[in-house]
């Protein structure tokens, strides 16, 4: 079975800190906020997300500052939205990118699987703009979404962050070319560079590796609280326990199929070289 949450995400951690600062036991907090002690325990260990009104009630019980109250209620709203399986369409590209940024900022561990392209936080600006402008007429919403993703990278991928990332993709996804060969080579080399970051683990599932699972779409998991899945017509945020556990189990199986470190860099180097050979019109064999 997959490992369980330790409550290291920002929402769980801040709720524990506020209760501690107020000098309250969970049972005392439950009495003051009108929420069961068992629910407060689940909120604090990351196993369940409070509703916005529950976050508000806890903040009142803890005499939290107005700033803490706003931030915690916003986090609860961001994460609880997915229990209705909300699908976000093109006119809200920038809005969903901002929401994703807030969710990532509140997470201790972000896990991504992408079966047919490059994960968002590993994409170059060229790749991002190509991705957001595929599929016909380009709208201002497409352009705004691309620029917001680029801004997200700058804000989230800082050297001083303790946030950890695990990105897994099959080798075949690296051949899905949204850009001319030379720029795709740059994109592949960018993945290798990102893999050298202390808080980034990049796994490549080698071509032809026998797999007991067949994932059909990409997703991103935030601790063990939420999953965002990508579809053809929009993006869905899932936060129900059964959904998150199912994706956690699937990601664990995929992680075991991947290679990391030097083995992953060798695959990336070969793919980049192949793109450059294609640009030059030459032939290259592995």
C-alpha atoms as a PDB file:
ATOM      1  CA  UNK A   1       0.000   0.000   0.000  1.00  0.00           C
ATOM      2  CA  UNK A   2       1.159   3.576  -0.652  1.00  0.00           C
ATOM      3  CA  UNK A   3       2.567   5.532   2.261  1.00  0.00           C
ATOM      4  CA  UNK A   4       0.208   7.816   4.129  1.00  0.00           C
ATOM      5  CA  UNK A   5       0.289  11.550   4.571  1.00  0.00           C
ATOM      6  CA  UNK A   6       2.235  13.067   7.438  1.00  0.00           C
ATOM      7  CA  UNK A   7       0.462  16.416   7.261  1.00  0.00           C
ATOM      8  CA  UNK A   8       3.531  18.285   6.013  1.00  0.00           C
ATOM      9  CA  UNK A   9       1.508  20.412   3.581  1.00  0.00           C
ATOM     10  CA  UNK A  10       0.950  24.087   4.381  1.00  0.00           C
ATOM     11  CA  UNK A  11      -2.743  23.810   5.253  1.00  0.00           C
ATOM     12  CA  UNK A  12      -2.317  20.916   7.708  1.00  0.00           C
ATOM     13  CA  UNK A  13       0.850  22.360   9.227  1.00  0.00           C
ATOM     14  CA  UNK A  14      -0.643  25.824   9.722  1.00  0.00           C
ATOM     15  CA  UNK A  15      -3.759  24.425  11.398  1.00  0.00           C
ATOM     16  CA  UNK A  16      -1.549  22.514  13.857  1.00  0.00           C
ATOM     17  CA  UNK A  17       0.569  25.605  14.502  1.00  0.00           C
ATOM     18  CA  UNK A  18      -2.429  27.825  15.160  1.00  0.00           C
ATOM     19  CA  UNK A  19      -3.943  25.302  17.561  1.00  0.00           C
ATOM     20  CA  UNK A  20      -0.606  24.985  19.366  1.00  0.00           C
ATOM     21  CA  UNK A  21      -0.227  28.772  19.590  1.00  0.00           C
ATOM     22  CA  UNK A  22      -3.720  28.935  21.104  1.00  0.00           C
ATOM     23  CA  UNK A  23      -2.709  26.333  23.716  1.00  0.00           C
ATOM     24  CA  UNK A  24      -5.564  24.005  22.784  1.00  0.00           C
ATOM     25  CA  UNK A  25      -5.807  20.254  22.581  1.00  0.00           C
ATOM     26  CA  UNK A  26      -7.732  18.801  19.660  1.00  0.00           C
ATOM     27  CA  UNK A  27     -10.644  18.022  21.962  1.00  0.00           C
ATOM     28  CA  UNK A  28     -10.703  21.660  23.135  1.00  0.00           C
ATOM     29  CA  UNK A  29     -10.578  22.925  19.554  1.00  0.00           C
ATOM     30  CA  UNK A  30     -13.425  20.583  18.638  1.00  0.00           C
ATOM     31  CA  UNK A  31     -15.581  22.015  21.416  1.00  0.00           C
ATOM     32  CA  UNK A  32     -14.868  25.634  20.467  1.00  0.00           C
ATOM     33  CA  UNK A  33     -15.264  25.200  16.685  1.00  0.00           C
ATOM     34  CA  UNK A  34     -18.190  22.760  16.706  1.00  0.00           C
ATOM     35  CA  UNK A  35     -16.181  20.220  14.705  1.00  0.00           C
ATOM     36  CA  UNK A  36     -15.486  16.656  15.831  1.00  0.00           C
ATOM     37  CA  UNK A  37     -12.034  15.831  17.185  1.00  0.00           C
ATOM     38  CA  UNK A  38     -11.655  13.048  14.606  1.00  0.00           C
ATOM     39  CA  UNK A  39     -12.194  15.528  11.776  1.00  0.00           C
ATOM     40  CA  UNK A  40      -9.679  17.967  13.240  1.00  0.00           C
ATOM     41  CA  UNK A  41      -7.144  15.104  13.393  1.00  0.00           C
ATOM     42  CA  UNK A  42      -7.771  14.338   9.710  1.00  0.00           C
ATOM     43  CA  UNK A  43      -7.375  18.006   8.779  1.00  0.00           C
ATOM     44  CA  UNK A  44      -4.062  18.187  10.649  1.00  0.00           C
ATOM     45  CA  UNK A  45      -2.564  15.024   9.146  1.00  0.00           C
ATOM     46  CA  UNK A  46      -3.583  15.881   5.590  1.00  0.00           C
ATOM     47  CA  UNK A  47      -6.100  13.067   5.223  1.00  0.00           C
ATOM     48  CA  UNK A  48      -9.095  15.358   4.718  1.00  0.00           C
ATOM     49  CA  UNK A  49      -9.599  18.918   3.546  1.00  0.00           C
ATOM     50  CA  UNK A  50     -11.777  21.242   5.631  1.00  0.00           C
ATOM     51  CA  UNK A  51     -14.650  23.050   4.024  1.00  0.00           C
ATOM     52  CA  UNK A  52     -14.127  26.826   3.878  1.00  0.00           C
ATOM     53  CA  UNK A  53     -16.644  27.311   6.708  1.00  0.00           C
ATOM     54  CA  UNK A  54     -14.782  24.740   8.839  1.00  0.00           C
ATOM     55  CA  UNK A  55     -11.464  26.510   8.198  1.00  0.00           C
ATOM     56  CA  UNK A  56     -13.162  29.764   9.196  1.00  0.00           C
ATOM     57  CA  UNK A  57     -14.532  28.196  12.403  1.00  0.00           C
ATOM     58  CA  UNK A  58     -11.112  26.849  13.387  1.00  0.00           C
ATOM     59  CA  UNK A  59      -9.483  30.215  12.736  1.00  0.00           C
ATOM     60  CA  UNK A  60     -12.029  31.867  15.032  1.00  0.00           C
ATOM     61  CA  UNK A  61     -11.423  29.237  17.723  1.00  0.00           C
ATOM     62  CA  UNK A  62      -7.668  29.859  17.485  1.00  0.00           C
ATOM     63  CA  UNK A  63      -7.991  33.678  17.346  1.00  0.00           C
ATOM     64  CA  UNK A  64      -6.031  33.594  14.092  1.00  0.00           C
ATOM     65  CA  UNK A  65      -5.019  36.813  12.389  1.00  0.00           C
ATOM     66  CA  UNK A  66      -7.072  38.160   9.500  1.00  0.00           C
ATOM     67  CA  UNK A  67      -4.242  37.255   7.130  1.00  0.00           C
ATOM     68  CA  UNK A  68      -4.063  33.652   8.351  1.00  0.00           C
ATOM     69  CA  UNK A  69      -7.828  33.387   8.086  1.00  0.00           C
ATOM     70  CA  UNK A  70      -7.869  34.640   4.488  1.00  0.00           C
ATOM     71  CA  UNK A  71      -5.047  32.332   3.416  1.00  0.00           C
ATOM     72  CA  UNK A  72      -6.465  29.200   5.057  1.00  0.00           C
ATOM     73  CA  UNK A  73      -9.994  29.790   3.784  1.00  0.00           C
ATOM     74  CA  UNK A  74      -8.593  30.386   0.272  1.00  0.00           C
ATOM     75  CA  UNK A  75      -6.645  27.108   0.439  1.00  0.00           C
ATOM     76  CA  UNK A  76      -9.738  25.266   1.585  1.00  0.00           C
ATOM     77  CA  UNK A  77     -11.738  26.784  -1.273  1.00  0.00           C
ATOM     78  CA  UNK A  78      -9.070  25.854  -3.832  1.00  0.00           C
ATOM     79  CA  UNK A  79      -8.910  22.255  -2.692  1.00  0.00           C
ATOM     80  CA  UNK A  80     -12.556  21.597  -1.868  1.00  0.00           C
ATOM     81  CA  UNK A  81     -13.649  22.757  -5.332  1.00  0.00           C
ATOM     82  CA  UNK A  82     -12.609  19.451  -6.811  1.00  0.00           C
ATOM     83  CA  UNK A  83     -15.074  17.358  -4.842  1.00  0.00           C
ATOM     84  CA  UNK A  84     -17.613  18.435  -7.474  1.00  0.00           C
ATOM     85  CA  UNK A  85     -15.268  17.365 -10.271  1.00  0.00           C
ATOM     86  CA  UNK A  86     -15.171  20.852 -11.699  1.00  0.00           C
ATOM     87  CA  UNK A  87     -13.974  21.005 -15.314  1.00  0.00           C
ATOM     88  CA  UNK A  88     -12.143  24.183 -16.288  1.00  0.00           C
ATOM     89  CA  UNK A  89     -12.400  25.177 -19.963  1.00  0.00           C
ATOM     90  CA  UNK A  90     -10.269  27.432 -22.156  1.00  0.00           C
ATOM     91  CA  UNK A  91     -11.710  30.827 -21.101  1.00  0.00           C
ATOM     92  CA  UNK A  92     -10.340  30.156 -17.591  1.00  0.00           C
ATOM     93  CA  UNK A  93      -6.824  29.023 -18.540  1.00  0.00           C
ATOM     94  CA  UNK A  94      -5.135  31.777 -16.521  1.00  0.00           C
ATOM     95  CA  UNK A  95      -7.489  31.291 -13.558  1.00  0.00           C
ATOM     96  CA  UNK A  96      -6.746  27.570 -13.254  1.00  0.00           C
ATOM     97  CA  UNK A  97      -3.004  28.256 -13.590  1.00  0.00           C
ATOM     98  CA  UNK A  98      -3.226  30.705 -10.667  1.00  0.00           C
ATOM     99  CA  UNK A  99      -5.191  28.157  -8.652  1.00  0.00           C
ATOM    100  CA  UNK A 100      -2.591  25.476  -9.403  1.00  0.00           C
ATOM    101  CA  UNK A 101       0.145  27.849  -8.240  1.00  0.00           C
ATOM    102  CA  UNK A 102      -1.608  28.359  -4.892  1.00  0.00           C
ATOM    103  CA  UNK A 103      -2.077  24.616  -4.444  1.00  0.00           C
ATOM    104  CA  UNK A 104       1.574  23.862  -5.288  1.00  0.00           C
ATOM    105  CA  UNK A 105       2.737  26.585  -2.903  1.00  0.00           C
ATOM    106  CA  UNK A 106       0.785  24.899  -0.116  1.00  0.00           C
ATOM    107  CA  UNK A 107       2.217  21.431  -0.861  1.00  0.00           C
ATOM    108  CA  UNK A 108       5.281  19.674   0.499  1.00  0.00           C
ATOM    109  CA  UNK A 109       5.461  17.042  -2.273  1.00  0.00           C
ATOM    110  CA  UNK A 110       4.223  17.380  -5.855  1.00  0.00           C
ATOM    111  CA  UNK A 111       4.096  14.225  -8.000  1.00  0.00           C
ATOM    112  CA  UNK A 112       3.483  14.352 -11.759  1.00  0.00           C
ATOM    113  CA  UNK A 113       2.929  11.724 -14.441  1.00  0.00           C
ATOM    114  CA  UNK A 114       2.711  12.656 -18.121  1.00  0.00           C
ATOM    115  CA  UNK A 115       2.220   9.912 -20.753  1.00  0.00           C
ATOM    116  CA  UNK A 116       2.266  12.102 -23.891  1.00  0.00           C
ATOM    117  CA  UNK A 117       4.225  15.268 -23.313  1.00  0.00           C
ATOM    118  CA  UNK A 118       6.499  17.199 -20.954  1.00  0.00           C
ATOM    119  CA  UNK A 119       5.230  17.933 -17.395  1.00  0.00           C
ATOM    120  CA  UNK A 120       4.318  21.599 -16.923  1.00  0.00           C
ATOM    121  CA  UNK A 121       7.083  22.543 -14.485  1.00  0.00           C
ATOM    122  CA  UNK A 122       9.698  21.052 -16.836  1.00  0.00           C
ATOM    123  CA  UNK A 123       8.530  22.897 -19.947  1.00  0.00           C
ATOM    124  CA  UNK A 124      10.553  25.648 -21.597  1.00  0.00           C
ATOM    125  CA  UNK A 125       8.724  28.908 -22.421  1.00  0.00           C
ATOM    126  CA  UNK A 126       8.759  27.905 -26.118  1.00  0.00           C
ATOM    127  CA  UNK A 127       7.128  24.583 -25.325  1.00  0.00           C
ATOM    128  CA  UNK A 128       4.529  26.198 -23.049  1.00  0.00           C
ATOM    129  CA  UNK A 129       3.484  28.701 -25.696  1.00  0.00           C
ATOM    130  CA  UNK A 130       3.262  25.971 -28.331  1.00  0.00           C
ATOM    131  CA  UNK A 131       1.173  23.806 -26.001  1.00  0.00           C
ATOM    132  CA  UNK A 132      -1.305  26.548 -25.140  1.00  0.00           C
ATOM    133  CA  UNK A 133      -1.739  27.597 -28.761  1.00  0.00           C
ATOM    134  CA  UNK A 134      -2.394  24.196 -30.346  1.00  0.00           C
ATOM    135  CA  UNK A 135      -5.764  23.060 -31.647  1.00  0.00           C
ATOM    136  CA  UNK A 136      -6.909  25.852 -33.912  1.00  0.00           C
ATOM    137  CA  UNK A 137      -7.522  29.567 -33.427  1.00  0.00           C
ATOM    138  CA  UNK A 138      -5.415  31.116 -30.687  1.00  0.00           C
ATOM    139  CA  UNK A 139      -7.403  33.187 -28.202  1.00  0.00           C
ATOM    140  CA  UNK A 140      -6.281  35.774 -25.643  1.00  0.00           C
ATOM    141  CA  UNK A 141      -7.247  33.207 -22.981  1.00  0.00           C
ATOM    142  CA  UNK A 142      -4.711  30.761 -24.462  1.00  0.00           C
ATOM    143  CA  UNK A 143      -1.979  33.382 -24.394  1.00  0.00           C
ATOM    144  CA  UNK A 144      -2.851  34.448 -20.829  1.00  0.00           C
ATOM    145  CA  UNK A 145      -2.751  30.816 -19.676  1.00  0.00           C
ATOM    146  CA  UNK A 146       0.686  30.308 -21.200  1.00  0.00           C
ATOM    147  CA  UNK A 147       2.106  33.447 -19.601  1.00  0.00           C
ATOM    148  CA  UNK A 148       0.650  32.475 -16.217  1.00  0.00           C
ATOM    149  CA  UNK A 149       2.300  29.022 -16.398  1.00  0.00           C
ATOM    150  CA  UNK A 150       5.640  30.671 -17.210  1.00  0.00           C
ATOM    151  CA  UNK A 151       5.170  32.992 -14.226  1.00  0.00           C
ATOM    152  CA  UNK A 152       4.284  30.013 -12.028  1.00  0.00           C
ATOM    153  CA  UNK A 153       7.600  28.345 -12.848  1.00  0.00           C
ATOM    154  CA  UNK A 154       9.578  31.399 -11.786  1.00  0.00           C
ATOM    155  CA  UNK A 155       7.696  31.595  -8.497  1.00  0.00           C
ATOM    156  CA  UNK A 156       7.633  27.884  -7.640  1.00  0.00           C
ATOM    157  CA  UNK A 157      11.037  26.614  -8.752  1.00  0.00           C
ATOM    158  CA  UNK A 158      13.170  28.637  -6.359  1.00  0.00           C
ATOM    159  CA  UNK A 159      16.513  27.373  -5.076  1.00  0.00           C
ATOM    160  CA  UNK A 160      15.623  27.962  -1.426  1.00  0.00           C
ATOM    161  CA  UNK A 161      12.367  25.978  -1.470  1.00  0.00           C
ATOM    162  CA  UNK A 162      12.026  22.799   0.594  1.00  0.00           C
ATOM    163  CA  UNK A 163       9.159  21.668  -1.618  1.00  0.00           C
ATOM    164  CA  UNK A 164       9.932  18.371  -3.378  1.00  0.00           C
ATOM    165  CA  UNK A 165       8.971  17.320  -6.897  1.00  0.00           C
ATOM    166  CA  UNK A 166       8.832  13.866  -8.475  1.00  0.00           C
ATOM    167  CA  UNK A 167       8.173  13.793 -12.228  1.00  0.00           C
ATOM    168  CA  UNK A 168       7.701  10.524 -14.120  1.00  0.00           C
ATOM    169  CA  UNK A 169       7.194  10.091 -17.863  1.00  0.00           C
ATOM    170  CA  UNK A 170       7.651   7.295 -20.407  1.00  0.00           C
ATOM    171  CA  UNK A 171      10.533   7.602 -22.847  1.00  0.00           C
ATOM    172  CA  UNK A 172       8.038   7.650 -25.720  1.00  0.00           C
ATOM    173  CA  UNK A 173       6.495  10.911 -24.494  1.00  0.00           C
ATOM    174  CA  UNK A 174       9.804  12.675 -25.216  1.00  0.00           C
ATOM    175  CA  UNK A 175       9.274  12.058 -28.923  1.00  0.00           C
ATOM    176  CA  UNK A 176       5.985  13.976 -29.001  1.00  0.00           C
ATOM    177  CA  UNK A 177       7.335  17.035 -30.793  1.00  0.00           C
ATOM    178  CA  UNK A 178       5.468  20.333 -30.398  1.00  0.00           C
ATOM    179  CA  UNK A 179       8.475  22.318 -31.621  1.00  0.00           C
ATOM    180  CA  UNK A 180      11.015  22.133 -34.460  1.00  0.00           C
ATOM    181  CA  UNK A 181      13.786  19.579 -33.776  1.00  0.00           C
ATOM    182  CA  UNK A 182      16.453  22.016 -32.552  1.00  0.00           C
ATOM    183  CA  UNK A 183      14.086  23.612 -30.031  1.00  0.00           C
ATOM    184  CA  UNK A 184      12.855  20.196 -28.918  1.00  0.00           C
ATOM    185  CA  UNK A 185      16.494  19.256 -28.287  1.00  0.00           C
ATOM    186  CA  UNK A 186      16.774  22.339 -26.078  1.00  0.00           C
ATOM    187  CA  UNK A 187      13.604  21.258 -24.264  1.00  0.00           C
ATOM    188  CA  UNK A 188      14.969  17.769 -23.609  1.00  0.00           C
ATOM    189  CA  UNK A 189      18.272  19.163 -22.320  1.00  0.00           C
ATOM    190  CA  UNK A 190      16.278  21.496 -20.056  1.00  0.00           C
ATOM    191  CA  UNK A 191      14.689  18.431 -18.420  1.00  0.00           C
ATOM    192  CA  UNK A 192      18.138  17.021 -17.697  1.00  0.00           C
ATOM    193  CA  UNK A 193      19.260  20.344 -16.189  1.00  0.00           C
ATOM    194  CA  UNK A 194      16.179  20.480 -13.973  1.00  0.00           C
ATOM    195  CA  UNK A 195      16.919  16.951 -12.781  1.00  0.00           C
ATOM    196  CA  UNK A 196      20.121  18.199 -11.137  1.00  0.00           C
ATOM    197  CA  UNK A 197      18.148  20.339  -8.663  1.00  0.00           C
ATOM    198  CA  UNK A 198      18.332  19.031  -5.103  1.00  0.00           C
ATOM    199  CA  UNK A 199      14.541  18.893  -4.697  1.00  0.00           C
ATOM    200  CA  UNK A 200      13.693  17.460  -8.136  1.00  0.00           C
ATOM    201  CA  UNK A 201      13.515  13.743  -8.975  1.00  0.00           C
ATOM    202  CA  UNK A 202      12.938  12.913 -12.643  1.00  0.00           C
ATOM    203  CA  UNK A 203      12.114   9.369 -13.679  1.00  0.00           C
ATOM    204  CA  UNK A 204      12.001   8.031 -17.232  1.00  0.00           C
ATOM    205  CA  UNK A 205      10.222   4.748 -17.978  1.00  0.00           C
ATOM    206  CA  UNK A 206      12.432   3.132 -20.656  1.00  0.00           C
ATOM    207  CA  UNK A 207      10.856   2.345 -24.010  1.00  0.00           C
ATOM    208  CA  UNK A 208       9.545  -1.226 -24.122  1.00  0.00           C
ATOM    209  CA  UNK A 209       9.588  -1.817 -20.357  1.00  0.00           C
ATOM    210  CA  UNK A 210       6.824  -4.256 -19.456  1.00  0.00           C
ATOM    211  CA  UNK A 211       4.206  -2.496 -17.338  1.00  0.00           C
ATOM    212  CA  UNK A 212       1.331  -3.941 -15.275  1.00  0.00           C
ATOM    213  CA  UNK A 213      -0.584  -0.648 -15.597  1.00  0.00           C
ATOM    214  CA  UNK A 214      -1.720   1.513 -18.519  1.00  0.00           C
ATOM    215  CA  UNK A 215      -2.447   5.127 -17.513  1.00  0.00           C
ATOM    216  CA  UNK A 216      -4.360   7.011 -20.186  1.00  0.00           C
ATOM    217  CA  UNK A 217      -3.904  10.632 -19.145  1.00  0.00           C
ATOM    218  CA  UNK A 218      -1.617  12.960 -17.232  1.00  0.00           C
ATOM    219  CA  UNK A 219      -2.073  14.103 -13.646  1.00  0.00           C
ATOM    220  CA  UNK A 220      -0.428  16.025 -10.841  1.00  0.00           C
ATOM    221  CA  UNK A 221      -0.770  15.054  -7.170  1.00  0.00           C
ATOM    222  CA  UNK A 222      -0.369  17.458  -4.272  1.00  0.00           C
ATOM    223  CA  UNK A 223       0.740  15.582  -1.141  1.00  0.00           C
ATOM    224  CA  UNK A 224      -2.173  13.190  -0.579  1.00  0.00           C
ATOM    225  CA  UNK A 225      -4.902  15.802  -0.678  1.00  0.00           C
ATOM    226  CA  UNK A 226      -5.664  16.548  -4.308  1.00  0.00           C
ATOM    227  CA  UNK A 227      -5.105  15.419  -7.884  1.00  0.00           C
ATOM    228  CA  UNK A 228      -5.427  17.517 -11.034  1.00  0.00           C
ATOM    229  CA  UNK A 229      -6.016  15.513 -14.200  1.00  0.00           C
ATOM    230  CA  UNK A 230      -5.686  16.809 -17.736  1.00  0.00           C
ATOM    231  CA  UNK A 231      -8.286  16.045 -20.392  1.00  0.00           C
ATOM    232  CA  UNK A 232      -8.986  17.111 -23.968  1.00  0.00           C
ATOM    233  CA  UNK A 233     -11.620  19.697 -23.028  1.00  0.00           C
ATOM    234  CA  UNK A 234     -10.469  20.875 -19.636  1.00  0.00           C
ATOM    235  CA  UNK A 235      -8.866  20.192 -16.289  1.00  0.00           C
ATOM    236  CA  UNK A 236     -10.446  18.371 -13.340  1.00  0.00           C
ATOM    237  CA  UNK A 237      -9.515  18.742  -9.674  1.00  0.00           C
ATOM    238  CA  UNK A 238     -10.195  15.665  -7.511  1.00  0.00           C
ATOM    239  CA  UNK A 239     -10.071  15.663  -3.727  1.00  0.00           C
ATOM    240  CA  UNK A 240     -12.265  12.751  -2.630  1.00  0.00           C
ATOM    241  CA  UNK A 241     -10.337  10.165  -0.612  1.00  0.00           C
ATOM    242  CA  UNK A 242     -11.070   7.286  -2.990  1.00  0.00           C
ATOM    243  CA  UNK A 243      -9.873   9.263  -6.023  1.00  0.00           C
ATOM    244  CA  UNK A 244      -6.649  10.449  -4.408  1.00  0.00           C
ATOM    245  CA  UNK A 245      -5.803   6.980  -3.067  1.00  0.00           C
ATOM    246  CA  UNK A 246      -6.352   5.426  -6.510  1.00  0.00           C
ATOM    247  CA  UNK A 247      -3.936   7.881  -8.148  1.00  0.00           C
ATOM    248  CA  UNK A 248      -1.424   7.456  -5.335  1.00  0.00           C
ATOM    249  CA  UNK A 249      -1.386   3.701  -5.861  1.00  0.00           C
ATOM    250  CA  UNK A 250      -1.025   4.105  -9.635  1.00  0.00           C
ATOM    251  CA  UNK A 251       1.811   6.627  -9.289  1.00  0.00           C
ATOM    252  CA  UNK A 252       3.648   4.303  -6.908  1.00  0.00           C
ATOM    253  CA  UNK A 253       3.504   1.522  -9.524  1.00  0.00           C
ATOM    254  CA  UNK A 254       4.811   3.867 -12.244  1.00  0.00           C
ATOM    255  CA  UNK A 255       7.643   5.167 -10.049  1.00  0.00           C
ATOM    256  CA  UNK A 256       8.942   1.612  -9.731  1.00  0.00           C
ATOM    257  CA  UNK A 257       9.135   1.257 -13.530  1.00  0.00           C
ATOM    258  CA  UNK A 258      11.246   4.372 -14.039  1.00  0.00           C
ATOM    259  CA  UNK A 259      14.992   4.913 -14.015  1.00  0.00           C
ATOM    260  CA  UNK A 260      16.566   7.953 -12.360  1.00  0.00           C
ATOM    261  CA  UNK A 261      19.859   9.806 -12.097  1.00  0.00           C
ATOM    262  CA  UNK A 262      22.541   8.841 -14.623  1.00  0.00           C
ATOM    263  CA  UNK A 263      20.315   6.297 -16.394  1.00  0.00           C
ATOM    264  CA  UNK A 264      17.633   8.931 -16.945  1.00  0.00           C
ATOM    265  CA  UNK A 265      20.227  11.450 -18.160  1.00  0.00           C
ATOM    266  CA  UNK A 266      21.527   8.933 -20.703  1.00  0.00           C
ATOM    267  CA  UNK A 267      18.053   8.522 -22.177  1.00  0.00           C
ATOM    268  CA  UNK A 268      17.538  12.288 -22.294  1.00  0.00           C
ATOM    269  CA  UNK A 269      20.917  12.851 -23.955  1.00  0.00           C
ATOM    270  CA  UNK A 270      20.128  10.253 -26.621  1.00  0.00           C
ATOM    271  CA  UNK A 271      16.732  11.845 -27.349  1.00  0.00           C
ATOM    272  CA  UNK A 272      18.238  15.340 -27.605  1.00  0.00           C
ATOM    273  CA  UNK A 273      20.957  14.033 -29.926  1.00  0.00           C
ATOM    274  CA  UNK A 274      18.357  12.354 -32.113  1.00  0.00           C
ATOM    275  CA  UNK A 275      16.424  15.626 -32.453  1.00  0.00           C
ATOM    276  CA  UNK A 276      19.608  17.449 -33.454  1.00  0.00           C
ATOM    277  CA  UNK A 277      20.481  14.775 -35.997  1.00  0.00           C
ATOM    278  CA  UNK A 278      17.005  15.164 -37.445  1.00  0.00           C
ATOM    279  CA  UNK A 279      17.502  18.942 -37.650  1.00  0.00           C
ATOM    280  CA  UNK A 280      20.698  18.358 -39.616  1.00  0.00           C
ATOM    281  CA  UNK A 281      18.972  15.863 -41.899  1.00  0.00           C
ATOM    282  CA  UNK A 282      21.237  13.022 -40.794  1.00  0.00           C
ATOM    283  CA  UNK A 283      20.507   9.515 -39.618  1.00  0.00           C
ATOM    284  CA  UNK A 284      21.125   8.273 -36.109  1.00  0.00           C
ATOM    285  CA  UNK A 285      20.743   4.854 -34.607  1.00  0.00           C
ATOM    286  CA  UNK A 286      20.738   3.934 -30.973  1.00  0.00           C
END
